PDB file of N, CA and C in Angstrom:
ATOM      1  N   UNK A   1      69.590 -77.534  15.929  1.00  0.00           N
ATOM      2  CA  UNK A   1      70.621 -77.116  15.021  1.00  0.00           C
ATOM      3  C   UNK A   1      71.748 -76.467  15.839  1.00  0.00           C
ATOM      4  N   UNK A   2      72.982 -76.869  15.623  1.00  0.00           N
ATOM      5  CA  UNK A   2      74.080 -76.312  16.419  1.00  0.00           C
ATOM      6  C   UNK A   2      74.403 -74.871  16.015  1.00  0.00           C
ATOM      7  N   UNK A   3      74.817 -74.105  16.991  1.00  0.00           N
ATOM      8  CA  UNK A   3      75.239 -72.723  16.719  1.00  0.00           C
ATOM      9  C   UNK A   3      76.738 -72.709  16.502  1.00  0.00           C
ATOM     10  N   UNK A   4      77.243 -71.563  16.085  1.00  0.00           N
ATOM     11  CA  UNK A   4      78.688 -71.430  15.915  1.00  0.00           C
ATOM     12  C   UNK A   4      79.407 -71.656  17.238  1.00  0.00           C
ATOM     13  N   UNK A   5      78.812 -71.161  18.345  1.00  0.00           N
ATOM     14  CA  UNK A   5      79.408 -71.365  19.664  1.00  0.00           C
ATOM     15  C   UNK A   5      79.538 -72.851  19.970  1.00  0.00           C
ATOM     16  N   UNK A   6      78.479 -73.595  19.686  1.00  0.00           N
ATOM     17  CA  UNK A   6      78.487 -75.029  19.978  1.00  0.00           C
ATOM     18  C   UNK A   6      79.489 -75.782  19.116  1.00  0.00           C
ATOM     19  N   UNK A   7      79.760 -75.263  17.946  1.00  0.00           N
ATOM     20  CA  UNK A   7      80.737 -75.893  17.064  1.00  0.00           C
ATOM     21  C   UNK A   7      82.169 -75.468  17.401  1.00  0.00           C
ATOM     22  N   UNK A   8      82.308 -74.533  18.313  1.00  0.00           N
ATOM     23  CA  UNK A   8      83.623 -74.081  18.718  1.00  0.00           C
ATOM     24  C   UNK A   8      84.283 -73.129  17.734  1.00  0.00           C
ATOM     25  N   UNK A   9      83.481 -72.467  16.914  1.00  0.00           N
ATOM     26  CA  UNK A   9      84.049 -71.532  15.932  1.00  0.00           C
ATOM     27  C   UNK A   9      83.462 -70.137  16.110  1.00  0.00           C
ATOM     28  N   UNK A  10      83.281 -69.762  17.363  1.00  0.00           N
ATOM     29  CA  UNK A  10      82.704 -68.456  17.667  1.00  0.00           C
ATOM     30  C   UNK A  10      83.710 -67.323  17.569  1.00  0.00           C
ATOM     31  N   UNK A  11      84.979 -67.654  17.347  1.00  0.00           N
ATOM     32  CA  UNK A  11      86.009 -66.618  17.287  1.00  0.00           C
ATOM     33  C   UNK A  11      86.303 -66.148  15.867  1.00  0.00           C
ATOM     34  N   UNK A  12      85.529 -66.609  14.914  1.00  0.00           N
ATOM     35  CA  UNK A  12      85.764 -66.239  13.517  1.00  0.00           C
ATOM     36  C   UNK A  12      84.891 -65.040  13.157  1.00  0.00           C
ATOM     37  N   UNK A  13      85.521 -64.016  12.620  1.00  0.00           N
ATOM     38  CA  UNK A  13      84.783 -62.846  12.153  1.00  0.00           C
ATOM     39  C   UNK A  13      84.570 -62.992  10.650  1.00  0.00           C
ATOM     40  N   UNK A  14      83.318 -63.063  10.249  1.00  0.00           N
ATOM     41  CA  UNK A  14      82.990 -63.228   8.832  1.00  0.00           C
ATOM     42  C   UNK A  14      82.476 -61.919   8.257  1.00  0.00           C
ATOM     43  N   UNK A  15      82.877 -61.613   7.041  1.00  0.00           N
ATOM     44  CA  UNK A  15      82.325 -60.420   6.386  1.00  0.00           C
ATOM     45  C   UNK A  15      80.825 -60.602   6.145  1.00  0.00           C
ATOM     46  N   UNK A  16      80.117 -59.494   6.152  1.00  0.00           N
ATOM     47  CA  UNK A  16      78.658 -59.534   5.955  1.00  0.00           C
ATOM     48  C   UNK A  16      78.293 -60.300   4.680  1.00  0.00           C
ATOM     49  N   UNK A  17      79.021 -60.075   3.616  1.00  0.00           N
ATOM     50  CA  UNK A  17      78.719 -60.720   2.341  1.00  0.00           C
ATOM     51  C   UNK A  17      78.808 -62.247   2.465  1.00  0.00           C
ATOM     52  N   UNK A  18      79.768 -62.734   3.238  1.00  0.00           N
ATOM     53  CA  UNK A  18      79.910 -64.180   3.437  1.00  0.00           C
ATOM     54  C   UNK A  18      78.741 -64.732   4.239  1.00  0.00           C
ATOM     55  N   UNK A  19      78.307 -63.987   5.244  1.00  0.00           N
ATOM     56  CA  UNK A  19      77.161 -64.431   6.048  1.00  0.00           C
ATOM     57  C   UNK A  19      75.882 -64.472   5.214  1.00  0.00           C
ATOM     58  N   UNK A  20      75.683 -63.466   4.374  1.00  0.00           N
ATOM     59  CA  UNK A  20      74.496 -63.425   3.514  1.00  0.00           C
ATOM     60  C   UNK A  20      74.500 -64.621   2.558  1.00  0.00           C
ATOM     61  N   UNK A  21      75.659 -64.908   1.959  1.00  0.00           N
ATOM     62  CA  UNK A  21      75.764 -66.034   1.034  1.00  0.00           C
ATOM     63  C   UNK A  21      75.524 -67.359   1.763  1.00  0.00           C
ATOM     64  N   UNK A  22      76.089 -67.496   2.954  1.00  0.00           N
ATOM     65  CA  UNK A  22      75.897 -68.725   3.729  1.00  0.00           C
ATOM     66  C   UNK A  22      74.431 -68.890   4.113  1.00  0.00           C
ATOM     67  N   UNK A  23      73.787 -67.804   4.519  1.00  0.00           N
ATOM     68  CA  UNK A  23      72.373 -67.872   4.891  1.00  0.00           C
ATOM     69  C   UNK A  23      71.523 -68.309   3.699  1.00  0.00           C
ATOM     70  N   UNK A  24      71.800 -67.781   2.522  1.00  0.00           N
ATOM     71  CA  UNK A  24      71.048 -68.165   1.324  1.00  0.00           C
ATOM     72  C   UNK A  24      71.272 -69.633   0.993  1.00  0.00           C
ATOM     73  N   UNK A  25      72.510 -70.100   1.125  1.00  0.00           N
ATOM     74  CA  UNK A  25      72.808 -71.512   0.877  1.00  0.00           C
ATOM     75  C   UNK A  25      72.035 -72.402   1.858  1.00  0.00           C
ATOM     76  N   UNK A  26      71.965 -71.976   3.107  1.00  0.00           N
ATOM     77  CA  UNK A  26      71.235 -72.749   4.113  1.00  0.00           C
ATOM     78  C   UNK A  26      69.729 -72.746   3.829  1.00  0.00           C
ATOM     79  N   UNK A  27      69.202 -71.631   3.353  1.00  0.00           N
ATOM     80  CA  UNK A  27      67.775 -71.578   2.980  1.00  0.00           C
ATOM     81  C   UNK A  27      67.480 -72.557   1.848  1.00  0.00           C
ATOM     82  N   UNK A  28      68.354 -72.599   0.858  1.00  0.00           N
ATOM     83  CA  UNK A  28      68.194 -73.541  -0.254  1.00  0.00           C
ATOM     84  C   UNK A  28      68.215 -74.971   0.268  1.00  0.00           C
ATOM     85  N   UNK A  29      69.154 -75.260   1.134  1.00  0.00           N
ATOM     86  CA  UNK A  29      69.280 -76.593   1.718  1.00  0.00           C
ATOM     87  C   UNK A  29      68.009 -76.967   2.480  1.00  0.00           C
ATOM     88  N   UNK A  30      67.454 -76.032   3.225  1.00  0.00           N
ATOM     89  CA  UNK A  30      66.231 -76.281   3.994  1.00  0.00           C
ATOM     90  C   UNK A  30      65.040 -76.579   3.090  1.00  0.00           C
ATOM     91  N   UNK A  31      65.054 -75.995   1.869  1.00  0.00           N
ATOM     92  CA  UNK A  31      63.972 -76.254   0.904  1.00  0.00           C
ATOM     93  C   UNK A  31      64.191 -77.551   0.135  1.00  0.00           C
ATOM     94  N   UNK A  32      65.273 -78.250   0.447  1.00  0.00           N
ATOM     95  CA  UNK A  32      65.561 -79.500  -0.246  1.00  0.00           C
ATOM     96  C   UNK A  32      66.337 -79.302  -1.533  1.00  0.00           C
ATOM     97  N   UNK A  33      66.788 -78.091  -1.782  1.00  0.00           N
ATOM     98  CA  UNK A  33      67.586 -77.816  -2.973  1.00  0.00           C
ATOM     99  C   UNK A  33      69.050 -78.071  -2.670  1.00  0.00           C
ATOM    100  N   UNK A  34      69.826 -78.228  -3.704  1.00  0.00           N
ATOM    101  CA  UNK A  34      71.263 -78.414  -3.528  1.00  0.00           C
ATOM    102  C   UNK A  34      71.972 -77.120  -3.907  1.00  0.00           C
ATOM    103  N   UNK A  35      72.316 -76.309  -2.903  1.00  0.00           N
ATOM    104  CA  UNK A  35      72.971 -75.034  -3.222  1.00  0.00           C
ATOM    105  C   UNK A  35      74.358 -75.263  -3.786  1.00  0.00           C
ATOM    106  N   UNK A  36      74.762 -74.339  -4.632  1.00  0.00           N
ATOM    107  CA  UNK A  36      76.105 -74.390  -5.199  1.00  0.00           C
ATOM    108  C   UNK A  36      76.821 -73.106  -4.806  1.00  0.00           C
ATOM    109  N   UNK A  37      77.956 -73.258  -4.185  1.00  0.00           N
ATOM    110  CA  UNK A  37      78.740 -72.100  -3.781  1.00  0.00           C
ATOM    111  C   UNK A  37      79.902 -71.964  -4.753  1.00  0.00           C
ATOM    112  N   UNK A  38      79.987 -70.811  -5.369  1.00  0.00           N
ATOM    113  CA  UNK A  38      81.040 -70.541  -6.349  1.00  0.00           C
ATOM    114  C   UNK A  38      81.870 -69.378  -5.843  1.00  0.00           C
ATOM    115  N   UNK A  39      83.155 -69.566  -5.793  1.00  0.00           N
ATOM    116  CA  UNK A  39      84.063 -68.504  -5.371  1.00  0.00           C
ATOM    117  C   UNK A  39      84.481 -67.725  -6.621  1.00  0.00           C
ATOM    118  N   UNK A  40      84.185 -66.449  -6.627  1.00  0.00           N
ATOM    119  CA  UNK A  40      84.556 -65.601  -7.755  1.00  0.00           C
ATOM    120  C   UNK A  40      85.917 -64.980  -7.476  1.00  0.00           C
ATOM    121  N   UNK A  41      86.840 -65.260  -8.320  1.00  0.00           N
ATOM    122  CA  UNK A  41      88.185 -64.721  -8.159  1.00  0.00           C
ATOM    123  C   UNK A  41      88.404 -63.618  -9.190  1.00  0.00           C
ATOM    124  N   UNK A  42      89.234 -62.673  -8.816  1.00  0.00           N
ATOM    125  CA  UNK A  42      89.540 -61.590  -9.747  1.00  0.00           C
ATOM    126  C   UNK A  42      90.446 -62.082 -10.866  1.00  0.00           C
ATOM    127  N   UNK A  43      91.398 -62.955 -10.538  1.00  0.00           N
ATOM    128  CA  UNK A  43      92.308 -63.502 -11.545  1.00  0.00           C
ATOM    129  C   UNK A  43      91.958 -64.965 -11.786  1.00  0.00           C
ATOM    130  N   UNK A  44      91.821 -65.322 -13.053  1.00  0.00           N
ATOM    131  CA  UNK A  44      91.427 -66.677 -13.428  1.00  0.00           C
ATOM    132  C   UNK A  44      92.581 -67.397 -14.100  1.00  0.00           C
ATOM    133  N   UNK A  45      92.587 -68.710 -13.961  1.00  0.00           N
ATOM    134  CA  UNK A  45      93.521 -69.520 -14.737  1.00  0.00           C
ATOM    135  C   UNK A  45      93.012 -69.564 -16.175  1.00  0.00           C
ATOM    136  N   UNK A  46      93.836 -70.040 -17.079  1.00  0.00           N
ATOM    137  CA  UNK A  46      93.420 -70.145 -18.478  1.00  0.00           C
ATOM    138  C   UNK A  46      92.205 -71.066 -18.599  1.00  0.00           C
ATOM    139  N   UNK A  47      92.189 -72.163 -17.863  1.00  0.00           N
ATOM    140  CA  UNK A  47      91.053 -73.086 -17.945  1.00  0.00           C
ATOM    141  C   UNK A  47      89.780 -72.441 -17.410  1.00  0.00           C
ATOM    142  N   UNK A  48      89.882 -71.717 -16.304  1.00  0.00           N
ATOM    143  CA  UNK A  48      88.710 -71.047 -15.751  1.00  0.00           C
ATOM    144  C   UNK A  48      88.180 -69.995 -16.723  1.00  0.00           C
ATOM    145  N   UNK A  49      89.064 -69.254 -17.360  1.00  0.00           N
ATOM    146  CA  UNK A  49      88.644 -68.243 -18.335  1.00  0.00           C
ATOM    147  C   UNK A  49      87.987 -68.911 -19.542  1.00  0.00           C
ATOM    148  N   UNK A  50      88.573 -70.016 -20.004  1.00  0.00           N
ATOM    149  CA  UNK A  50      87.994 -70.743 -21.138  1.00  0.00           C
ATOM    150  C   UNK A  50      86.600 -71.249 -20.783  1.00  0.00           C
ATOM    151  N   UNK A  51      86.446 -71.783 -19.582  1.00  0.00           N
ATOM    152  CA  UNK A  51      85.134 -72.271 -19.140  1.00  0.00           C
ATOM    153  C   UNK A  51      84.119 -71.139 -19.103  1.00  0.00           C
ATOM    154  N   UNK A  52      84.529 -69.977 -18.617  1.00  0.00           N
ATOM    155  CA  UNK A  52      83.626 -68.826 -18.537  1.00  0.00           C
ATOM    156  C   UNK A  52      83.172 -68.379 -19.929  1.00  0.00           C
ATOM    157  N   UNK A  53      84.061 -68.500 -20.904  1.00  0.00           N
ATOM    158  CA  UNK A  53      83.725 -68.108 -22.275  1.00  0.00           C
ATOM    159  C   UNK A  53      83.033 -69.226 -23.060  1.00  0.00           C
ATOM    160  N   UNK A  54      83.110 -70.446 -22.549  1.00  0.00           N
ATOM    161  CA  UNK A  54      82.519 -71.568 -23.281  1.00  0.00           C
ATOM    162  C   UNK A  54      83.354 -71.993 -24.471  1.00  0.00           C
ATOM    163  N   UNK A  55      84.683 -71.845 -24.346  1.00  0.00           N
ATOM    164  CA  UNK A  55      85.596 -72.245 -25.418  1.00  0.00           C
ATOM    165  C   UNK A  55      86.629 -73.207 -24.851  1.00  0.00           C
ATOM    166  N   UNK A  56      87.356 -73.855 -25.725  1.00  0.00           N
ATOM    167  CA  UNK A  56      88.420 -74.756 -25.272  1.00  0.00           C
ATOM    168  C   UNK A  56      89.614 -73.935 -24.779  1.00  0.00           C
ATOM    169  N   UNK A  57      90.447 -74.541 -23.962  1.00  0.00           N
ATOM    170  CA  UNK A  57      91.646 -73.843 -23.500  1.00  0.00           C
ATOM    171  C   UNK A  57      92.592 -73.522 -24.662  1.00  0.00           C
ATOM    172  N   UNK A  58      92.782 -74.468 -25.628  1.00  0.00           N
ATOM    173  CA  UNK A  58      93.623 -74.100 -26.773  1.00  0.00           C
ATOM    174  C   UNK A  58      93.089 -72.880 -27.539  1.00  0.00           C
ATOM    175  N   UNK A  59      91.760 -72.779 -27.683  1.00  0.00           N
ATOM    176  CA  UNK A  59      91.194 -71.611 -28.372  1.00  0.00           C
ATOM    177  C   UNK A  59      91.432 -70.342 -27.552  1.00  0.00           C
ATOM    178  N   UNK A  60      91.284 -70.445 -26.240  1.00  0.00           N
ATOM    179  CA  UNK A  60      91.571 -69.288 -25.396  1.00  0.00           C
ATOM    180  C   UNK A  60      93.025 -68.855 -25.575  1.00  0.00           C
ATOM    181  N   UNK A  61      93.938 -69.822 -25.646  1.00  0.00           N
ATOM    182  CA  UNK A  61      95.348 -69.486 -25.840  1.00  0.00           C
ATOM    183  C   UNK A  61      95.564 -68.722 -27.141  1.00  0.00           C
ATOM    184  N   UNK A  62      94.817 -69.079 -28.179  1.00  0.00           N
ATOM    185  CA  UNK A  62      94.899 -68.339 -29.446  1.00  0.00           C
ATOM    186  C   UNK A  62      94.444 -66.898 -29.228  1.00  0.00           C
ATOM    187  N   UNK A  63      93.344 -66.726 -28.511  1.00  0.00           N
ATOM    188  CA  UNK A  63      92.851 -65.373 -28.226  1.00  0.00           C
ATOM    189  C   UNK A  63      93.880 -64.573 -27.430  1.00  0.00           C
ATOM    190  N   UNK A  64      94.520 -65.225 -26.472  1.00  0.00           N
ATOM    191  CA  UNK A  64      95.535 -64.543 -25.671  1.00  0.00           C
ATOM    192  C   UNK A  64      96.747 -64.197 -26.524  1.00  0.00           C
ATOM    193  N   UNK A  65      97.178 -65.153 -27.350  1.00  0.00           N
ATOM    194  CA  UNK A  65      98.340 -64.915 -28.211  1.00  0.00           C
ATOM    195  C   UNK A  65      98.084 -63.785 -29.204  1.00  0.00           C
ATOM    196  N   UNK A  66      96.842 -63.645 -29.644  1.00  0.00           N
ATOM    197  CA  UNK A  66      96.478 -62.574 -30.588  1.00  0.00           C
ATOM    198  C   UNK A  66      96.135 -61.272 -29.876  1.00  0.00           C
ATOM    199  N   UNK A  67      96.333 -61.264 -28.556  1.00  0.00           N
ATOM    200  CA  UNK A  67      96.114 -60.080 -27.726  1.00  0.00           C
ATOM    201  C   UNK A  67      94.669 -59.597 -27.755  1.00  0.00           C
ATOM    202  N   UNK A  68      93.730 -60.521 -27.887  1.00  0.00           N
ATOM    203  CA  UNK A  68      92.308 -60.159 -27.830  1.00  0.00           C
ATOM    204  C   UNK A  68      91.853 -59.973 -26.380  1.00  0.00           C
ATOM    205  N   UNK A  69      92.551 -60.657 -25.469  1.00  0.00           N
ATOM    206  CA  UNK A  69      92.259 -60.554 -24.043  1.00  0.00           C
ATOM    207  C   UNK A  69      93.600 -60.354 -23.333  1.00  0.00           C
ATOM    208  N   UNK A  70      93.721 -59.313 -22.516  1.00  0.00           N
ATOM    209  CA  UNK A  70      94.980 -59.110 -21.797  1.00  0.00           C
ATOM    210  C   UNK A  70      95.188 -60.176 -20.721  1.00  0.00           C
ATOM    211  N   UNK A  71      96.434 -60.448 -20.407  1.00  0.00           N
ATOM    212  CA  UNK A  71      96.755 -61.416 -19.359  1.00  0.00           C
ATOM    213  C   UNK A  71      98.115 -61.091 -18.770  1.00  0.00           C
ATOM    214  N   UNK A  72      98.385 -61.705 -17.634  1.00  0.00           N
ATOM    215  CA  UNK A  72      99.703 -61.629 -17.025  1.00  0.00           C
ATOM    216  C   UNK A  72     100.238 -63.051 -16.919  1.00  0.00           C
ATOM    217  N   UNK A  73     101.517 -63.154 -16.682  1.00  0.00           N
ATOM    218  CA  UNK A  73     102.148 -64.465 -16.536  1.00  0.00           C
ATOM    219  C   UNK A  73     102.748 -64.566 -15.144  1.00  0.00           C
ATOM    220  N   UNK A  74     102.491 -65.685 -14.482  1.00  0.00           N
ATOM    221  CA  UNK A  74     103.043 -65.900 -13.148  1.00  0.00           C
ATOM    222  C   UNK A  74     104.526 -66.231 -13.254  1.00  0.00           C
ATOM    223  N   UNK A  75     105.197 -66.259 -12.120  1.00  0.00           N
ATOM    224  CA  UNK A  75     106.614 -66.627 -12.085  1.00  0.00           C
ATOM    225  C   UNK A  75     106.819 -68.039 -12.633  1.00  0.00           C
ATOM    226  N   UNK A  76     105.814 -68.881 -12.486  1.00  0.00           N
ATOM    227  CA  UNK A  76     105.898 -70.253 -12.989  1.00  0.00           C
ATOM    228  C   UNK A  76     105.515 -70.392 -14.453  1.00  0.00           C
ATOM    229  N   UNK A  77     105.189 -69.274 -15.110  1.00  0.00           N
ATOM    230  CA  UNK A  77     104.864 -69.307 -16.527  1.00  0.00           C
ATOM    231  C   UNK A  77     103.396 -69.534 -16.843  1.00  0.00           C
ATOM    232  N   UNK A  78     102.532 -69.536 -15.822  1.00  0.00           N
ATOM    233  CA  UNK A  78     101.098 -69.732 -16.061  1.00  0.00           C
ATOM    234  C   UNK A  78     100.422 -68.400 -16.360  1.00  0.00           C
ATOM    235  N   UNK A  79      99.463 -68.432 -17.239  1.00  0.00           N
ATOM    236  CA  UNK A  79      98.731 -67.220 -17.598  1.00  0.00           C
ATOM    237  C   UNK A  79      97.603 -66.982 -16.605  1.00  0.00           C
ATOM    238  N   UNK A  80      97.434 -65.732 -16.229  1.00  0.00           N
ATOM    239  CA  UNK A  80      96.322 -65.323 -15.372  1.00  0.00           C
ATOM    240  C   UNK A  80      95.583 -64.203 -16.087  1.00  0.00           C
ATOM    241  N   UNK A  81      94.266 -64.352 -16.099  1.00  0.00           N
ATOM    242  CA  UNK A  81      93.427 -63.419 -16.828  1.00  0.00           C
ATOM    243  C   UNK A  81      92.435 -62.807 -15.850  1.00  0.00           C
ATOM    244  N   UNK A  82      92.313 -61.484 -15.871  1.00  0.00           N
ATOM    245  CA  UNK A  82      91.347 -60.843 -14.981  1.00  0.00           C
ATOM    246  C   UNK A  82      89.932 -61.197 -15.421  1.00  0.00           C
ATOM    247  N   UNK A  83      89.095 -61.519 -14.441  1.00  0.00           N
ATOM    248  CA  UNK A  83      87.690 -61.844 -14.722  1.00  0.00           C
ATOM    249  C   UNK A  83      87.029 -60.711 -15.493  1.00  0.00           C
ATOM    250  N   UNK A  84      87.307 -59.478 -15.116  1.00  0.00           N
ATOM    251  CA  UNK A  84      86.676 -58.338 -15.790  1.00  0.00           C
ATOM    252  C   UNK A  84      87.074 -58.285 -17.264  1.00  0.00           C
ATOM    253  N   UNK A  85      88.309 -58.679 -17.601  1.00  0.00           N
ATOM    254  CA  UNK A  85      88.734 -58.694 -19.004  1.00  0.00           C
ATOM    255  C   UNK A  85      88.028 -59.802 -19.782  1.00  0.00           C
ATOM    256  N   UNK A  86      87.832 -60.946 -19.139  1.00  0.00           N
ATOM    257  CA  UNK A  86      87.107 -62.048 -19.788  1.00  0.00           C
ATOM    258  C   UNK A  86      85.660 -61.639 -20.023  1.00  0.00           C
ATOM    259  N   UNK A  87      85.041 -61.030 -19.022  1.00  0.00           N
ATOM    260  CA  UNK A  87      83.645 -60.603 -19.156  1.00  0.00           C
ATOM    261  C   UNK A  87      83.508 -59.504 -20.217  1.00  0.00           C
ATOM    262  N   UNK A  88      84.474 -58.594 -20.278  1.00  0.00           N
ATOM    263  CA  UNK A  88      84.433 -57.537 -21.301  1.00  0.00           C
ATOM    264  C   UNK A  88      84.557 -58.144 -22.697  1.00  0.00           C
ATOM    265  N   UNK A  89      85.445 -59.120 -22.866  1.00  0.00           N
ATOM    266  CA  UNK A  89      85.589 -59.778 -24.157  1.00  0.00           C
ATOM    267  C   UNK A  89      84.297 -60.499 -24.534  1.00  0.00           C
ATOM    268  N   UNK A  90      83.712 -61.197 -23.569  1.00  0.00           N
ATOM    269  CA  UNK A  90      82.461 -61.922 -23.817  1.00  0.00           C
ATOM    270  C   UNK A  90      81.369 -60.952 -24.256  1.00  0.00           C
ATOM    271  N   UNK A  91      81.290 -59.790 -23.604  1.00  0.00           N
ATOM    272  CA  UNK A  91      80.273 -58.796 -23.958  1.00  0.00           C
ATOM    273  C   UNK A  91      80.524 -58.222 -25.353  1.00  0.00           C
ATOM    274  N   UNK A  92      81.801 -57.934 -25.675  1.00  0.00           N
ATOM    275  CA  UNK A  92      82.131 -57.423 -27.024  1.00  0.00           C
ATOM    276  C   UNK A  92      81.772 -58.453 -28.084  1.00  0.00           C
ATOM    277  N   UNK A  93      82.082 -59.713 -27.811  1.00  0.00           N
ATOM    278  CA  UNK A  93      81.785 -60.786 -28.763  1.00  0.00           C
ATOM    279  C   UNK A  93      80.274 -60.916 -28.971  1.00  0.00           C
ATOM    280  N   UNK A  94      79.507 -60.824 -27.890  1.00  0.00           N
ATOM    281  CA  UNK A  94      78.046 -60.931 -27.996  1.00  0.00           C
ATOM    282  C   UNK A  94      77.478 -59.765 -28.815  1.00  0.00           C
ATOM    283  N   UNK A  95      78.005 -58.546 -28.592  1.00  0.00           N
ATOM    284  CA  UNK A  95      77.541 -57.381 -29.363  1.00  0.00           C
ATOM    285  C   UNK A  95      77.891 -57.542 -30.845  1.00  0.00           C
ATOM    286  N   UNK A  96      79.095 -58.024 -31.125  1.00  0.00           N
ATOM    287  CA  UNK A  96      79.510 -58.214 -32.516  1.00  0.00           C
ATOM    288  C   UNK A  96      78.637 -59.265 -33.201  1.00  0.00           C
ATOM    289  N   UNK A  97      78.313 -60.334 -32.488  1.00  0.00           N
ATOM    290  CA  UNK A  97      77.457 -61.369 -33.074  1.00  0.00           C
ATOM    291  C   UNK A  97      76.059 -60.828 -33.331  1.00  0.00           C
ATOM    292  N   UNK A  98      75.544 -60.020 -32.414  1.00  0.00           N
ATOM    293  CA  UNK A  98      74.218 -59.426 -32.597  1.00  0.00           C
ATOM    294  C   UNK A  98      74.210 -58.488 -33.804  1.00  0.00           C
ATOM    295  N   UNK A  99      75.252 -57.677 -33.949  1.00  0.00           N
ATOM    296  CA  UNK A  99      75.348 -56.778 -35.106  1.00  0.00           C
ATOM    297  C   UNK A  99      75.439 -57.563 -36.407  1.00  0.00           C
ATOM    298  N   UNK A 100      76.171 -58.678 -36.379  1.00  0.00           N
ATOM    299  CA  UNK A 100      76.293 -59.511 -37.571  1.00  0.00           C
ATOM    300  C   UNK A 100      74.936 -60.102 -37.960  1.00  0.00           C
ATOM    301  N   UNK A 101      74.188 -60.578 -36.967  1.00  0.00           N
ATOM    302  CA  UNK A 101      72.851 -61.127 -37.255  1.00  0.00           C
ATOM    303  C   UNK A 101      71.937 -60.054 -37.836  1.00  0.00           C
ATOM    304  N   UNK A 102      71.988 -58.844 -37.259  1.00  0.00           N
ATOM    305  CA  UNK A 102      71.162 -57.744 -37.768  1.00  0.00           C
ATOM    306  C   UNK A 102      71.549 -57.403 -39.205  1.00  0.00           C
ATOM    307  N   UNK A 103      72.833 -57.357 -39.459  1.00  0.00           N
ATOM    308  CA  UNK A 103      73.323 -57.041 -40.791  1.00  0.00           C
ATOM    309  C   UNK A 103      72.879 -58.103 -41.800  1.00  0.00           C
ATOM    310  N   UNK A 104      72.968 -59.363 -41.407  1.00  0.00           N
ATOM    311  CA  UNK A 104      72.556 -60.452 -42.303  1.00  0.00           C
ATOM    312  C   UNK A 104      71.050 -60.409 -42.556  1.00  0.00           C
ATOM    313  N   UNK A 105      70.274 -60.091 -41.518  1.00  0.00           N
ATOM    314  CA  UNK A 105      68.820 -59.990 -41.683  1.00  0.00           C
ATOM    315  C   UNK A 105      68.478 -58.840 -42.631  1.00  0.00           C
ATOM    316  N   UNK A 106      69.185 -57.715 -42.494  1.00  0.00           N
ATOM    317  CA  UNK A 106      68.944 -56.572 -43.380  1.00  0.00           C
ATOM    318  C   UNK A 106      69.318 -56.923 -44.818  1.00  0.00           C
ATOM    319  N   UNK A 107      70.415 -57.639 -44.995  1.00  0.00           N
ATOM    320  CA  UNK A 107      70.830 -58.048 -46.341  1.00  0.00           C
ATOM    321  C   UNK A 107      69.811 -59.005 -46.944  1.00  0.00           C
ATOM    322  N   UNK A 108      69.269 -59.897 -46.129  1.00  0.00           N
ATOM    323  CA  UNK A 108      68.235 -60.812 -46.619  1.00  0.00           C
ATOM    324  C   UNK A 108      67.000 -60.045 -47.062  1.00  0.00           C
ATOM    325  N   UNK A 109      66.617 -59.030 -46.276  1.00  0.00           N
ATOM    326  CA  UNK A 109      65.463 -58.227 -46.629  1.00  0.00           C
ATOM    327  C   UNK A 109      65.696 -57.500 -47.946  1.00  0.00           C
ATOM    328  N   UNK A 110      66.859 -56.926 -48.140  1.00  0.00           N
ATOM    329  CA  UNK A 110      67.173 -56.229 -49.389  1.00  0.00           C
ATOM    330  C   UNK A 110      67.137 -57.195 -50.561  1.00  0.00           C
ATOM    331  N   UNK A 111      67.677 -58.383 -50.349  1.00  0.00           N
ATOM    332  CA  UNK A 111      67.706 -59.386 -51.417  1.00  0.00           C
ATOM    333  C   UNK A 111      66.313 -59.849 -51.799  1.00  0.00           C
ATOM    334  N   UNK A 112      65.419 -59.947 -50.817  1.00  0.00           N
ATOM    335  CA  UNK A 112      64.074 -60.438 -51.110  1.00  0.00           C
ATOM    336  C   UNK A 112      63.207 -59.363 -51.740  1.00  0.00           C
ATOM    337  N   UNK A 113      63.538 -58.090 -51.583  1.00  0.00           N
ATOM    338  CA  UNK A 113      62.726 -57.027 -52.191  1.00  0.00           C
ATOM    339  C   UNK A 113      63.141 -56.745 -53.626  1.00  0.00           C
ATOM    340  N   UNK A 114      64.303 -57.243 -54.042  1.00  0.00           N
ATOM    341  CA  UNK A 114      64.766 -56.985 -55.404  1.00  0.00           C
ATOM    342  C   UNK A 114      64.173 -57.970 -56.402  1.00  0.00           C
ATOM    343  N   UNK A 115      63.455 -58.961 -55.944  1.00  0.00           N
ATOM    344  CA  UNK A 115      62.882 -59.970 -56.848  1.00  0.00           C
ATOM    345  C   UNK A 115      61.779 -59.435 -57.689  1.00  0.00           C
TER     346      UNK A 115
END
C-alpha cells in the first residue's frame, strides 16, 4: 500500500478530524464496504436544506417565505440556510408532530370511555 510520501503528497497538513474520517473510510473499504463521505457545510443551498428535511424545494421556499426558517440571500439572489436552523426546524416539527399524536391518542381514549 503506498504511503503519502510515495504518492508525493507528504507536504499536506491535514486536520486530525480529516485523518480520523479518512481512516474510518479506509477501514470500511478494507471490510468490503462502500464508505460514503459527506461534507457537512454550515450554509446549505435551498435544495440541500430541502433534502435534509425530506421536502420538495418548492415547499421549502414556502417555509422560507413564511419565515419559518431564517435564511440569507447571496449577491446572486440564491438563498442560503444555516444547517443549524434547518436542524432546529426539523426538531421543532418532530416535537409538534409527537405532541399532536399524543393529543389525538388522549382524545381517542376520552371518546372511547364515554360510550
